[in-house]
């Protein structure tokens, strides 16, 4: 039985990796607690929700072969409540950025 929050697929472990908008946009190194201990995951700049980041050999051990892999499925979470300073920063970004996620050329997961 996989630990809570993890899904098992053969010897591979799957977990949701929740990111802030700035971690996803700028990139970050996130430490994730796994059943085998903490693992650092490099989140590339421009990561979208739904992207799968794989950490080889951090899944379930296999006595007859290689370990499984750890697959972190990204999910971007936006703050439910913004401070006035955060709201101002998001407004500045909205008026400065040319990005439109609804255009056909917008990057996807």
PDB file of N, CA and C in Angstrom:
ATOM      1  N   UNK A   1       0.847  -1.185   0.000  1.00  0.00           N
ATOM      2  CA  UNK A   1       0.000   0.000   0.000  1.00  0.00           C
ATOM      3  C   UNK A   1       0.892   1.249   0.000  1.00  0.00           C
ATOM      4  N   UNK A   2       0.694   2.173  -0.956  1.00  0.00           N
ATOM      5  CA  UNK A   2       1.529   3.378  -0.974  1.00  0.00           C
ATOM      6  C   UNK A   2       1.176   4.306   0.187  1.00  0.00           C
ATOM      7  N   UNK A   3       2.138   5.129   0.616  1.00  0.00           N
ATOM      8  CA  UNK A   3       1.860   6.088   1.688  1.00  0.00           C
ATOM      9  C   UNK A   3       0.774   7.081   1.270  1.00  0.00           C
ATOM     10  N   UNK A   4       0.146   7.699   2.244  1.00  0.00           N
ATOM     11  CA  UNK A   4      -0.910   8.673   1.973  1.00  0.00           C
ATOM     12  C   UNK A   4      -0.376   9.781   1.077  1.00  0.00           C
ATOM     13  N   UNK A   5      -1.160  10.134   0.072  1.00  0.00           N
ATOM     14  CA  UNK A   5      -0.773  11.183  -0.865  1.00  0.00           C
ATOM     15  C   UNK A   5      -0.024  10.671  -2.077  1.00  0.00           C
ATOM     16  N   UNK A   6       0.314   9.387  -2.075  1.00  0.00           N
ATOM     17  CA  UNK A   6       1.038   8.783  -3.184  1.00  0.00           C
ATOM     18  C   UNK A   6       0.153   7.760  -3.876  1.00  0.00           C
ATOM     19  N   UNK A   7       0.369   7.600  -5.181  1.00  0.00           N
ATOM     20  CA  UNK A   7      -0.312   6.561  -5.951  1.00  0.00           C
ATOM     21  C   UNK A   7       0.765   5.645  -6.511  1.00  0.00           C
ATOM     22  N   UNK A   8       0.535   4.363  -6.444  1.00  0.00           N
ATOM     23  CA  UNK A   8       1.495   3.371  -6.901  1.00  0.00           C
ATOM     24  C   UNK A   8       1.088   2.855  -8.270  1.00  0.00           C
ATOM     25  N   UNK A   9       2.054   2.791  -9.196  1.00  0.00           N
ATOM     26  CA  UNK A   9       1.844   2.232 -10.532  1.00  0.00           C
ATOM     27  C   UNK A   9       3.033   1.332 -10.818  1.00  0.00           C
ATOM     28  N   UNK A  10       2.881   0.043 -10.571  1.00  0.00           N
ATOM     29  CA  UNK A  10       4.024  -0.865 -10.650  1.00  0.00           C
ATOM     30  C   UNK A  10       4.990  -0.512  -9.530  1.00  0.00           C
ATOM     31  N   UNK A  11       6.209  -0.169  -9.867  1.00  0.00           N
ATOM     32  CA  UNK A  11       7.187   0.272  -8.867  1.00  0.00           C
ATOM     33  C   UNK A  11       7.350   1.792  -8.858  1.00  0.00           C
ATOM     34  N   UNK A  12       6.578   2.481  -9.686  1.00  0.00           N
ATOM     35  CA  UNK A  12       6.638   3.941  -9.744  1.00  0.00           C
ATOM     36  C   UNK A  12       5.669   4.565  -8.751  1.00  0.00           C
ATOM     37  N   UNK A  13       6.122   5.619  -8.102  1.00  0.00           N
ATOM     38  CA  UNK A  13       5.275   6.396  -7.192  1.00  0.00           C
ATOM     39  C   UNK A  13       4.869   7.694  -7.876  1.00  0.00           C
ATOM     40  N   UNK A  14       3.617   8.083  -7.696  1.00  0.00           N
ATOM     41  CA  UNK A  14       3.099   9.339  -8.240  1.00  0.00           C
ATOM     42  C   UNK A  14       2.609  10.191  -7.074  1.00  0.00           C
ATOM     43  N   UNK A  15       2.899  11.486  -7.139  1.00  0.00           N
ATOM     44  CA  UNK A  15       2.490  12.409  -6.087  1.00  0.00           C
ATOM     45  C   UNK A  15       2.177  13.760  -6.720  1.00  0.00           C
ATOM     46  N   UNK A  16       1.263  14.490  -6.099  1.00  0.00           N
ATOM     47  CA  UNK A  16       0.970  15.853  -6.555  1.00  0.00           C
ATOM     48  C   UNK A  16       1.973  16.810  -5.929  1.00  0.00           C
ATOM     49  N   UNK A  17       2.574  17.660  -6.750  1.00  0.00           N
ATOM     50  CA  UNK A  17       3.509  18.674  -6.290  1.00  0.00           C
ATOM     51  C   UNK A  17       2.852  20.036  -6.480  1.00  0.00           C
ATOM     52  N   UNK A  18       2.412  20.631  -5.384  1.00  0.00           N
ATOM     53  CA  UNK A  18       1.733  21.921  -5.442  1.00  0.00           C
ATOM     54  C   UNK A  18       2.760  23.038  -5.443  1.00  0.00           C
ATOM     55  N   UNK A  19       2.602  23.958  -6.411  1.00  0.00           N
ATOM     56  CA  UNK A  19       3.531  25.065  -6.588  1.00  0.00           C
ATOM     57  C   UNK A  19       2.810  26.400  -6.507  1.00  0.00           C
ATOM     58  N   UNK A  20       3.524  27.413  -6.057  1.00  0.00           N
ATOM     59  CA  UNK A  20       3.002  28.773  -6.121  1.00  0.00           C
ATOM     60  C   UNK A  20       3.189  29.284  -7.556  1.00  0.00           C
ATOM     61  N   UNK A  21       2.454  30.306  -7.956  1.00  0.00           N
ATOM     62  CA  UNK A  21       2.624  30.843  -9.312  1.00  0.00           C
ATOM     63  C   UNK A  21       4.064  31.290  -9.586  1.00  0.00           C
ATOM     64  N   UNK A  22       4.724  31.876  -8.587  1.00  0.00           N
ATOM     65  CA  UNK A  22       6.092  32.366  -8.805  1.00  0.00           C
ATOM     66  C   UNK A  22       7.094  31.214  -8.891  1.00  0.00           C
ATOM     67  N   UNK A  23       6.861  30.130  -8.150  1.00  0.00           N
ATOM     68  CA  UNK A  23       7.737  28.957  -8.274  1.00  0.00           C
ATOM     69  C   UNK A  23       7.621  28.363  -9.676  1.00  0.00           C
ATOM     70  N   UNK A  24       6.388  28.285 -10.177  1.00  0.00           N
ATOM     71  CA  UNK A  24       6.165  27.731 -11.511  1.00  0.00           C
ATOM     72  C   UNK A  24       6.747  28.636 -12.597  1.00  0.00           C
ATOM     73  N   UNK A  25       6.571  29.927 -12.464  1.00  0.00           N
ATOM     74  CA  UNK A  25       7.041  30.861 -13.487  1.00  0.00           C
ATOM     75  C   UNK A  25       8.561  31.018 -13.480  1.00  0.00           C
ATOM     76  N   UNK A  26       9.142  31.129 -12.297  1.00  0.00           N
ATOM     77  CA  UNK A  26      10.568  31.430 -12.179  1.00  0.00           C
ATOM     78  C   UNK A  26      11.451  30.194 -12.061  1.00  0.00           C
ATOM     79  N   UNK A  27      10.851  29.067 -11.679  1.00  0.00           N
ATOM     80  CA  UNK A  27      11.626  27.870 -11.387  1.00  0.00           C
ATOM     81  C   UNK A  27      11.991  27.853  -9.914  1.00  0.00           C
ATOM     82  N   UNK A  28      12.223  26.680  -9.386  1.00  0.00           N
ATOM     83  CA  UNK A  28      12.531  26.551  -7.961  1.00  0.00           C
ATOM     84  C   UNK A  28      13.094  25.153  -7.706  1.00  0.00           C
ATOM     85  N   UNK A  29      13.733  25.015  -6.579  1.00  0.00           N
ATOM     86  CA  UNK A  29      14.120  23.698  -6.082  1.00  0.00           C
ATOM     87  C   UNK A  29      13.236  23.418  -4.878  1.00  0.00           C
ATOM     88  N   UNK A  30      12.465  22.361  -4.965  1.00  0.00           N
ATOM     89  CA  UNK A  30      11.487  22.008  -3.940  1.00  0.00           C
ATOM     90  C   UNK A  30      11.943  20.719  -3.261  1.00  0.00           C
ATOM     91  N   UNK A  31      11.904  20.707  -1.940  1.00  0.00           N
ATOM     92  CA  UNK A  31      12.184  19.477  -1.206  1.00  0.00           C
ATOM     93  C   UNK A  31      10.862  18.787  -0.927  1.00  0.00           C
ATOM     94  N   UNK A  32      10.776  17.547  -1.356  1.00  0.00           N
ATOM     95  CA  UNK A  32       9.556  16.759  -1.224  1.00  0.00           C
ATOM     96  C   UNK A  32       9.831  15.601  -0.284  1.00  0.00           C
ATOM     97  N   UNK A  33       8.997  15.428   0.732  1.00  0.00           N
ATOM     98  CA  UNK A  33       9.132  14.279   1.623  1.00  0.00           C
ATOM     99  C   UNK A  33       8.575  13.050   0.922  1.00  0.00           C
ATOM    100  N   UNK A  34       9.397  12.026   0.849  1.00  0.00           N
ATOM    101  CA  UNK A  34       8.989  10.778   0.213  1.00  0.00           C
ATOM    102  C   UNK A  34       9.113   9.653   1.232  1.00  0.00           C
ATOM    103  N   UNK A  35       8.561   8.493   0.926  1.00  0.00           N
ATOM    104  CA  UNK A  35       8.690   7.363   1.860  1.00  0.00           C
ATOM    105  C   UNK A  35      10.149   6.996   2.149  1.00  0.00           C
ATOM    106  N   UNK A  36      11.060   7.273   1.210  1.00  0.00           N
ATOM    107  CA  UNK A  36      12.477   6.947   1.400  1.00  0.00           C
ATOM    108  C   UNK A  36      13.273   8.122   1.964  1.00  0.00           C
ATOM    109  N   UNK A  37      12.602   9.239   2.257  1.00  0.00           N
ATOM    110  CA  UNK A  37      13.287  10.420   2.776  1.00  0.00           C
ATOM    111  C   UNK A  37      13.136  11.601   1.833  1.00  0.00           C
ATOM    112  N   UNK A  38      13.661  12.761   2.240  1.00  0.00           N
ATOM    113  CA  UNK A  38      13.516  13.971   1.430  1.00  0.00           C
ATOM    114  C   UNK A  38      14.243  13.869   0.091  1.00  0.00           C
ATOM    115  N   UNK A  39      13.610  14.434  -0.951  1.00  0.00           N
ATOM    116  CA  UNK A  39      14.181  14.472  -2.295  1.00  0.00           C
ATOM    117  C   UNK A  39      14.032  15.893  -2.817  1.00  0.00           C
ATOM    118  N   UNK A  40      15.091  16.434  -3.433  1.00  0.00           N
ATOM    119  CA  UNK A  40      15.023  17.751  -4.069  1.00  0.00           C
ATOM    120  C   UNK A  40      14.602  17.590  -5.519  1.00  0.00           C
ATOM    121  N   UNK A  41      13.629  18.385  -5.911  1.00  0.00           N
ATOM    122  CA  UNK A  41      13.129  18.368  -7.287  1.00  0.00           C
ATOM    123  C   UNK A  41      13.351  19.746  -7.881  1.00  0.00           C
ATOM    124  N   UNK A  42      14.020  19.788  -9.025  1.00  0.00           N
ATOM    125  CA  UNK A  42      14.221  21.055  -9.733  1.00  0.00           C
ATOM    126  C   UNK A  42      13.021  21.304 -10.629  1.00  0.00           C
ATOM    127  N   UNK A  43      12.324  22.398 -10.353  1.00  0.00           N
ATOM    128  CA  UNK A  43      11.177  22.807 -11.156  1.00  0.00           C
ATOM    129  C   UNK A  43      11.697  23.803 -12.190  1.00  0.00           C
ATOM    130  N   UNK A  44      11.614  23.470 -13.480  1.00  0.00           N
ATOM    131  CA  UNK A  44      12.120  24.388 -14.499  1.00  0.00           C
ATOM    132  C   UNK A  44      11.248  25.643 -14.603  1.00  0.00           C
ATOM    133  N   UNK A  45      11.851  26.778 -14.956  1.00  0.00           N
ATOM    134  CA  UNK A  45      11.053  27.983 -15.189  1.00  0.00           C
ATOM    135  C   UNK A  45       9.992  27.720 -16.262  1.00  0.00           C
ATOM    136  N   UNK A  46       8.815  28.297 -16.085  1.00  0.00           N
ATOM    137  CA  UNK A  46       7.740  28.139 -17.062  1.00  0.00           C
ATOM    138  C   UNK A  46       6.963  26.850 -16.924  1.00  0.00           C
ATOM    139  N   UNK A  47       7.030  26.212 -15.765  1.00  0.00           N
ATOM    140  CA  UNK A  47       6.301  24.965 -15.540  1.00  0.00           C
ATOM    141  C   UNK A  47       4.802  25.242 -15.432  1.00  0.00           C
ATOM    142  N   UNK A  48       4.005  24.457 -16.146  1.00  0.00           N
ATOM    143  CA  UNK A  48       2.546  24.576 -16.112  1.00  0.00           C
ATOM    144  C   UNK A  48       1.948  23.467 -15.256  1.00  0.00           C
ATOM    145  N   UNK A  49       0.713  23.694 -14.791  1.00  0.00           N
ATOM    146  CA  UNK A  49      -0.010  22.626 -14.096  1.00  0.00           C
ATOM    147  C   UNK A  49      -0.128  21.431 -15.023  1.00  0.00           C
ATOM    148  N   UNK A  50       0.030  20.247 -14.466  1.00  0.00           N
ATOM    149  CA  UNK A  50      -0.099  19.032 -15.251  1.00  0.00           C
ATOM    150  C   UNK A  50       1.220  18.487 -15.757  1.00  0.00           C
ATOM    151  N   UNK A  51       2.286  19.278 -15.669  1.00  0.00           N
ATOM    152  CA  UNK A  51       3.592  18.770 -16.087  1.00  0.00           C
ATOM    153  C   UNK A  51       4.047  17.711 -15.087  1.00  0.00           C
ATOM    154  N   UNK A  52       4.681  16.677 -15.582  1.00  0.00           N
ATOM    155  CA  UNK A  52       5.172  15.603 -14.723  1.00  0.00           C
ATOM    156  C   UNK A  52       6.700  15.690 -14.656  1.00  0.00           C
ATOM    157  N   UNK A  53       7.209  15.864 -13.447  1.00  0.00           N
ATOM    158  CA  UNK A  53       8.645  15.907 -13.205  1.00  0.00           C
ATOM    159  C   UNK A  53       9.051  14.559 -12.629  1.00  0.00           C
ATOM    160  N   UNK A  54       9.997  13.887 -13.266  1.00  0.00           N
ATOM    161  CA  UNK A  54      10.388  12.540 -12.866  1.00  0.00           C
ATOM    162  C   UNK A  54      11.742  12.557 -12.175  1.00  0.00           C
ATOM    163  N   UNK A  55      11.802  11.873 -11.037  1.00  0.00           N
ATOM    164  CA  UNK A  55      13.054  11.682 -10.311  1.00  0.00           C
ATOM    165  C   UNK A  55      13.374  10.186 -10.415  1.00  0.00           C
ATOM    166  N   UNK A  56      14.356   9.843 -11.241  1.00  0.00           N
ATOM    167  CA  UNK A  56      14.661   8.421 -11.445  1.00  0.00           C
ATOM    168  C   UNK A  56      15.107   7.733 -10.152  1.00  0.00           C
ATOM    169  N   UNK A  57      14.737   6.470 -10.049  1.00  0.00           N
ATOM    170  CA  UNK A  57      15.182   5.579  -8.966  1.00  0.00           C
ATOM    171  C   UNK A  57      14.784   6.046  -7.572  1.00  0.00           C
ATOM    172  N   UNK A  58      13.681   6.790  -7.461  1.00  0.00           N
ATOM    173  CA  UNK A  58      13.174   7.188  -6.141  1.00  0.00           C
ATOM    174  C   UNK A  58      11.765   6.634  -5.898  1.00  0.00           C
ATOM    175  N   UNK A  59      11.459   5.531  -6.589  1.00  0.00           N
ATOM    176  CA  UNK A  59      10.191   4.856  -6.375  1.00  0.00           C
ATOM    177  C   UNK A  59      10.374   3.686  -5.426  1.00  0.00           C
ATOM    178  N   UNK A  60       9.692   2.599  -5.699  1.00  0.00           N
ATOM    179  CA  UNK A  60       9.730   1.412  -4.854  1.00  0.00           C
ATOM    180  C   UNK A  60      10.946   0.562  -5.234  1.00  0.00           C
ATOM    181  N   UNK A  61      11.704   0.078  -4.237  1.00  0.00           N
ATOM    182  CA  UNK A  61      12.862  -0.782  -4.531  1.00  0.00           C
ATOM    183  C   UNK A  61      12.442  -2.079  -5.222  1.00  0.00           C
ATOM    184  N   UNK A  62      13.346  -2.608  -6.019  1.00  0.00           N
ATOM    185  CA  UNK A  62      13.116  -3.867  -6.704  1.00  0.00           C
ATOM    186  C   UNK A  62      14.319  -4.769  -6.439  1.00  0.00           C
ATOM    187  N   UNK A  63      14.155  -5.855  -5.688  1.00  0.00           N
ATOM    188  CA  UNK A  63      15.293  -6.721  -5.383  1.00  0.00           C
ATOM    189  C   UNK A  63      15.876  -7.400  -6.624  1.00  0.00           C
ATOM    190  N   UNK A  64      15.101  -7.454  -7.706  1.00  0.00           N
ATOM    191  CA  UNK A  64      15.563  -8.136  -8.919  1.00  0.00           C
ATOM    192  C   UNK A  64      15.876  -7.184 -10.064  1.00  0.00           C
ATOM    193  N   UNK A  65      15.968  -5.892  -9.787  1.00  0.00           N
ATOM    194  CA  UNK A  65      16.217  -4.951 -10.874  1.00  0.00           C
ATOM    195  C   UNK A  65      16.232  -3.525 -10.366  1.00  0.00           C
ATOM    196  N   UNK A  66      16.019  -2.579 -11.260  1.00  0.00           N
ATOM    197  CA  UNK A  66      16.101  -1.163 -10.883  1.00  0.00           C
ATOM    198  C   UNK A  66      14.918  -0.718 -10.017  1.00  0.00           C
ATOM    199  N   UNK A  67      15.166   0.333  -9.241  1.00  0.00           N
ATOM    200  CA  UNK A  67      14.101   0.965  -8.466  1.00  0.00           C
ATOM    201  C   UNK A  67      13.074   1.542  -9.431  1.00  0.00           C
ATOM    202  N   UNK A  68      11.879   1.773  -8.910  1.00  0.00           N
ATOM    203  CA  UNK A  68      10.896   2.531  -9.668  1.00  0.00           C
ATOM    204  C   UNK A  68      11.260   4.008  -9.633  1.00  0.00           C
ATOM    205  N   UNK A  69      10.494   4.817 -10.334  1.00  0.00           N
ATOM    206  CA  UNK A  69      10.730   6.258 -10.385  1.00  0.00           C
ATOM    207  C   UNK A  69       9.682   6.998  -9.570  1.00  0.00           C
ATOM    208  N   UNK A  70      10.002   8.225  -9.203  1.00  0.00           N
ATOM    209  CA  UNK A  70       9.060   9.125  -8.546  1.00  0.00           C
ATOM    210  C   UNK A  70       8.588  10.124  -9.594  1.00  0.00           C
ATOM    211  N   UNK A  71       7.274  10.240  -9.754  1.00  0.00           N
ATOM    212  CA  UNK A  71       6.684  11.165 -10.715  1.00  0.00           C
ATOM    213  C   UNK A  71       5.888  12.218  -9.937  1.00  0.00           C
ATOM    214  N   UNK A  72       6.328  13.462 -10.022  1.00  0.00           N
ATOM    215  CA  UNK A  72       5.651  14.567  -9.339  1.00  0.00           C
ATOM    216  C   UNK A  72       4.803  15.321 -10.359  1.00  0.00           C
ATOM    217  N   UNK A  73       3.495  15.290 -10.157  1.00  0.00           N
ATOM    218  CA  UNK A  73       2.541  15.943 -11.064  1.00  0.00           C
ATOM    219  C   UNK A  73       2.290  17.359 -10.536  1.00  0.00           C
ATOM    220  N   UNK A  74       2.658  18.346 -11.332  1.00  0.00           N
ATOM    221  CA  UNK A  74       2.585  19.731 -10.854  1.00  0.00           C
ATOM    222  C   UNK A  74       1.159  20.267 -10.863  1.00  0.00           C
ATOM    223  N   UNK A  75       0.892  21.059  -9.859  1.00  0.00           N
ATOM    224  CA  UNK A  75      -0.399  21.736  -9.689  1.00  0.00           C
ATOM    225  C   UNK A  75      -0.101  23.122  -9.139  1.00  0.00           C
ATOM    226  N   UNK A  76      -0.503  24.153  -9.860  1.00  0.00           N
ATOM    227  CA  UNK A  76      -0.228  25.522  -9.426  1.00  0.00           C
ATOM    228  C   UNK A  76      -1.416  26.027  -8.624  1.00  0.00           C
ATOM    229  N   UNK A  77      -1.122  26.519  -7.445  1.00  0.00           N
ATOM    230  CA  UNK A  77      -2.156  27.008  -6.541  1.00  0.00           C
ATOM    231  C   UNK A  77      -1.996  28.515  -6.375  1.00  0.00           C
ATOM    232  N   UNK A  78      -3.082  29.232  -6.598  1.00  0.00           N
ATOM    233  CA  UNK A  78      -3.102  30.688  -6.460  1.00  0.00           C
ATOM    234  C   UNK A  78      -3.636  31.033  -5.075  1.00  0.00           C
ATOM    235  N   UNK A  79      -3.050  32.022  -4.410  1.00  0.00           N
ATOM    236  CA  UNK A  79      -3.546  32.386  -3.079  1.00  0.00           C
ATOM    237  C   UNK A  79      -5.033  32.778  -3.118  1.00  0.00           C
ATOM    238  N   UNK A  80      -5.792  32.275  -2.159  1.00  0.00           N
ATOM    239  CA  UNK A  80      -7.223  32.596  -2.094  1.00  0.00           C
ATOM    240  C   UNK A  80      -7.446  34.036  -1.641  1.00  0.00           C
ATOM    241  N   UNK A  81      -6.573  34.508  -0.787  1.00  0.00           N
ATOM    242  CA  UNK A  81      -6.661  35.890  -0.298  1.00  0.00           C
ATOM    243  C   UNK A  81      -5.318  36.556  -0.531  1.00  0.00           C
ATOM    244  N   UNK A  82      -5.364  37.747  -1.075  1.00  0.00           N
ATOM    245  CA  UNK A  82      -4.141  38.488  -1.351  1.00  0.00           C
ATOM    246  C   UNK A  82      -4.004  39.661  -0.390  1.00  0.00           C
ATOM    247  N   UNK A  83      -2.772  39.912   0.009  1.00  0.00           N
ATOM    248  CA  UNK A  83      -2.507  41.134   0.768  1.00  0.00           C
ATOM    249  C   UNK A  83      -2.575  42.294  -0.226  1.00  0.00           C
ATOM    250  N   UNK A  84      -2.713  43.512   0.254  1.00  0.00           N
ATOM    251  CA  UNK A  84      -2.700  44.644  -0.680  1.00  0.00           C
ATOM    252  C   UNK A  84      -1.432  44.681  -1.543  1.00  0.00           C
ATOM    253  N   UNK A  85      -0.290  44.363  -0.963  1.00  0.00           N
ATOM    254  CA  UNK A  85       0.959  44.374  -1.737  1.00  0.00           C
ATOM    255  C   UNK A  85       0.942  43.279  -2.811  1.00  0.00           C
ATOM    256  N   UNK A  86       0.437  42.092  -2.467  1.00  0.00           N
ATOM    257  CA  UNK A  86       0.348  41.011  -3.449  1.00  0.00           C
ATOM    258  C   UNK A  86      -0.605  41.385  -4.575  1.00  0.00           C
ATOM    259  N   UNK A  87      -1.751  41.954  -4.215  1.00  0.00           N
ATOM    260  CA  UNK A  87      -2.730  42.381  -5.227  1.00  0.00           C
ATOM    261  C   UNK A  87      -2.090  43.387  -6.178  1.00  0.00           C
ATOM    262  N   UNK A  88      -1.330  44.331  -5.634  1.00  0.00           N
ATOM    263  CA  UNK A  88      -0.662  45.334  -6.453  1.00  0.00           C
ATOM    264  C   UNK A  88       0.332  44.672  -7.409  1.00  0.00           C
ATOM    265  N   UNK A  89       1.100  43.712  -6.907  1.00  0.00           N
ATOM    266  CA  UNK A  89       2.070  43.027  -7.765  1.00  0.00           C
ATOM    267  C   UNK A  89       1.380  42.256  -8.897  1.00  0.00           C
ATOM    268  N   UNK A  90       0.279  41.566  -8.586  1.00  0.00           N
ATOM    269  CA  UNK A  90      -0.450  40.848  -9.631  1.00  0.00           C
ATOM    270  C   UNK A  90      -1.051  41.814 -10.654  1.00  0.00           C
ATOM    271  N   UNK A  91      -1.552  42.962 -10.190  1.00  0.00           N
ATOM    272  CA  UNK A  91      -2.092  43.968 -11.120  1.00  0.00           C
ATOM    273  C   UNK A  91      -0.985  44.500 -12.023  1.00  0.00           C
ATOM    274  N   UNK A  92       0.193  44.743 -11.456  1.00  0.00           N
ATOM    275  CA  UNK A  92       1.319  45.216 -12.258  1.00  0.00           C
ATOM    276  C   UNK A  92       1.721  44.172 -13.293  1.00  0.00           C
ATOM    277  N   UNK A  93       1.720  42.910 -12.899  1.00  0.00           N
ATOM    278  CA  UNK A  93       2.039  41.838 -13.832  1.00  0.00           C
ATOM    279  C   UNK A  93       0.999  41.774 -14.953  1.00  0.00           C
ATOM    280  N   UNK A  94      -0.277  41.901 -14.602  1.00  0.00           N
ATOM    281  CA  UNK A  94      -1.350  41.831 -15.588  1.00  0.00           C
ATOM    282  C   UNK A  94      -1.244  42.949 -16.628  1.00  0.00           C
ATOM    283  N   UNK A  95      -0.819  44.129 -16.204  1.00  0.00           N
ATOM    284  CA  UNK A  95      -0.720  45.245 -17.154  1.00  0.00           C
ATOM    285  C   UNK A  95       0.603  45.240 -17.919  1.00  0.00           C
ATOM    286  N   UNK A  96       1.596  44.513 -17.421  1.00  0.00           N
ATOM    287  CA  UNK A  96       2.917  44.473 -18.055  1.00  0.00           C
ATOM    288  C   UNK A  96       3.055  43.305 -19.024  1.00  0.00           C
ATOM    289  N   UNK A  97       2.461  42.179 -18.702  1.00  0.00           N
ATOM    290  CA  UNK A  97       2.669  40.940 -19.458  1.00  0.00           C
ATOM    291  C   UNK A  97       1.857  40.915 -20.750  1.00  0.00           C
ATOM    292  N   UNK A  98       2.434  40.311 -21.782  1.00  0.00           N
ATOM    293  CA  UNK A  98       1.733  40.075 -23.047  1.00  0.00           C
ATOM    294  C   UNK A  98       1.173  38.656 -23.119  1.00  0.00           C
ATOM    295  N   UNK A  99       1.394  37.866 -22.089  1.00  0.00           N
ATOM    296  CA  UNK A  99       0.969  36.468 -22.082  1.00  0.00           C
ATOM    297  C   UNK A  99      -0.545  36.358 -22.036  1.00  0.00           C
ATOM    298  N   UNK A 100      -1.098  35.495 -22.883  1.00  0.00           N
ATOM    299  CA  UNK A 100      -2.537  35.199 -22.896  1.00  0.00           C
ATOM    300  C   UNK A 100      -2.674  33.684 -22.989  1.00  0.00           C
ATOM    301  N   UNK A 101      -3.126  33.019 -21.918  1.00  0.00           N
ATOM    302  CA  UNK A 101      -3.214  31.562 -21.945  1.00  0.00           C
ATOM    303  C   UNK A 101      -4.274  31.014 -22.887  1.00  0.00           C
ATOM    304  N   UNK A 102      -5.128  31.868 -23.414  1.00  0.00           N
ATOM    305  CA  UNK A 102      -6.202  31.404 -24.295  1.00  0.00           C
ATOM    306  C   UNK A 102      -5.843  31.523 -25.776  1.00  0.00           C
ATOM    307  N   UNK A 103      -4.617  31.872 -26.099  1.00  0.00           N
ATOM    308  CA  UNK A 103      -4.205  31.916 -27.499  1.00  0.00           C
ATOM    309  C   UNK A 103      -3.742  30.538 -27.927  1.00  0.00           C
ATOM    310  N   UNK A 104      -3.875  30.232 -29.213  1.00  0.00           N
ATOM    311  CA  UNK A 104      -3.470  28.892 -29.689  1.00  0.00           C
ATOM    312  C   UNK A 104      -1.984  28.594 -29.503  1.00  0.00           C
ATOM    313  N   UNK A 105      -1.147  29.614 -29.372  1.00  0.00           N
ATOM    314  CA  UNK A 105       0.292  29.378 -29.251  1.00  0.00           C
ATOM    315  C   UNK A 105       0.768  29.343 -27.798  1.00  0.00           C
ATOM    316  N   UNK A 106      -0.165  29.479 -26.839  1.00  0.00           N
ATOM    317  CA  UNK A 106       0.219  29.440 -25.429  1.00  0.00           C
ATOM    318  C   UNK A 106       0.750  28.056 -25.080  1.00  0.00           C
ATOM    319  N   UNK A 107       1.841  27.997 -24.294  1.00  0.00           N
ATOM    320  CA  UNK A 107       2.388  26.691 -23.925  1.00  0.00           C
ATOM    321  C   UNK A 107       1.432  25.931 -23.027  1.00  0.00           C
ATOM    322  N   UNK A 108       1.417  24.619 -23.151  1.00  0.00           N
ATOM    323  CA  UNK A 108       0.569  23.768 -22.325  1.00  0.00           C
ATOM    324  C   UNK A 108       1.422  22.852 -21.471  1.00  0.00           C
ATOM    325  N   UNK A 109       0.749  21.994 -20.720  1.00  0.00           N
ATOM    326  CA  UNK A 109       1.482  21.073 -19.841  1.00  0.00           C
ATOM    327  C   UNK A 109       2.366  20.101 -20.575  1.00  0.00           C
TER     328      UNK A 109
END
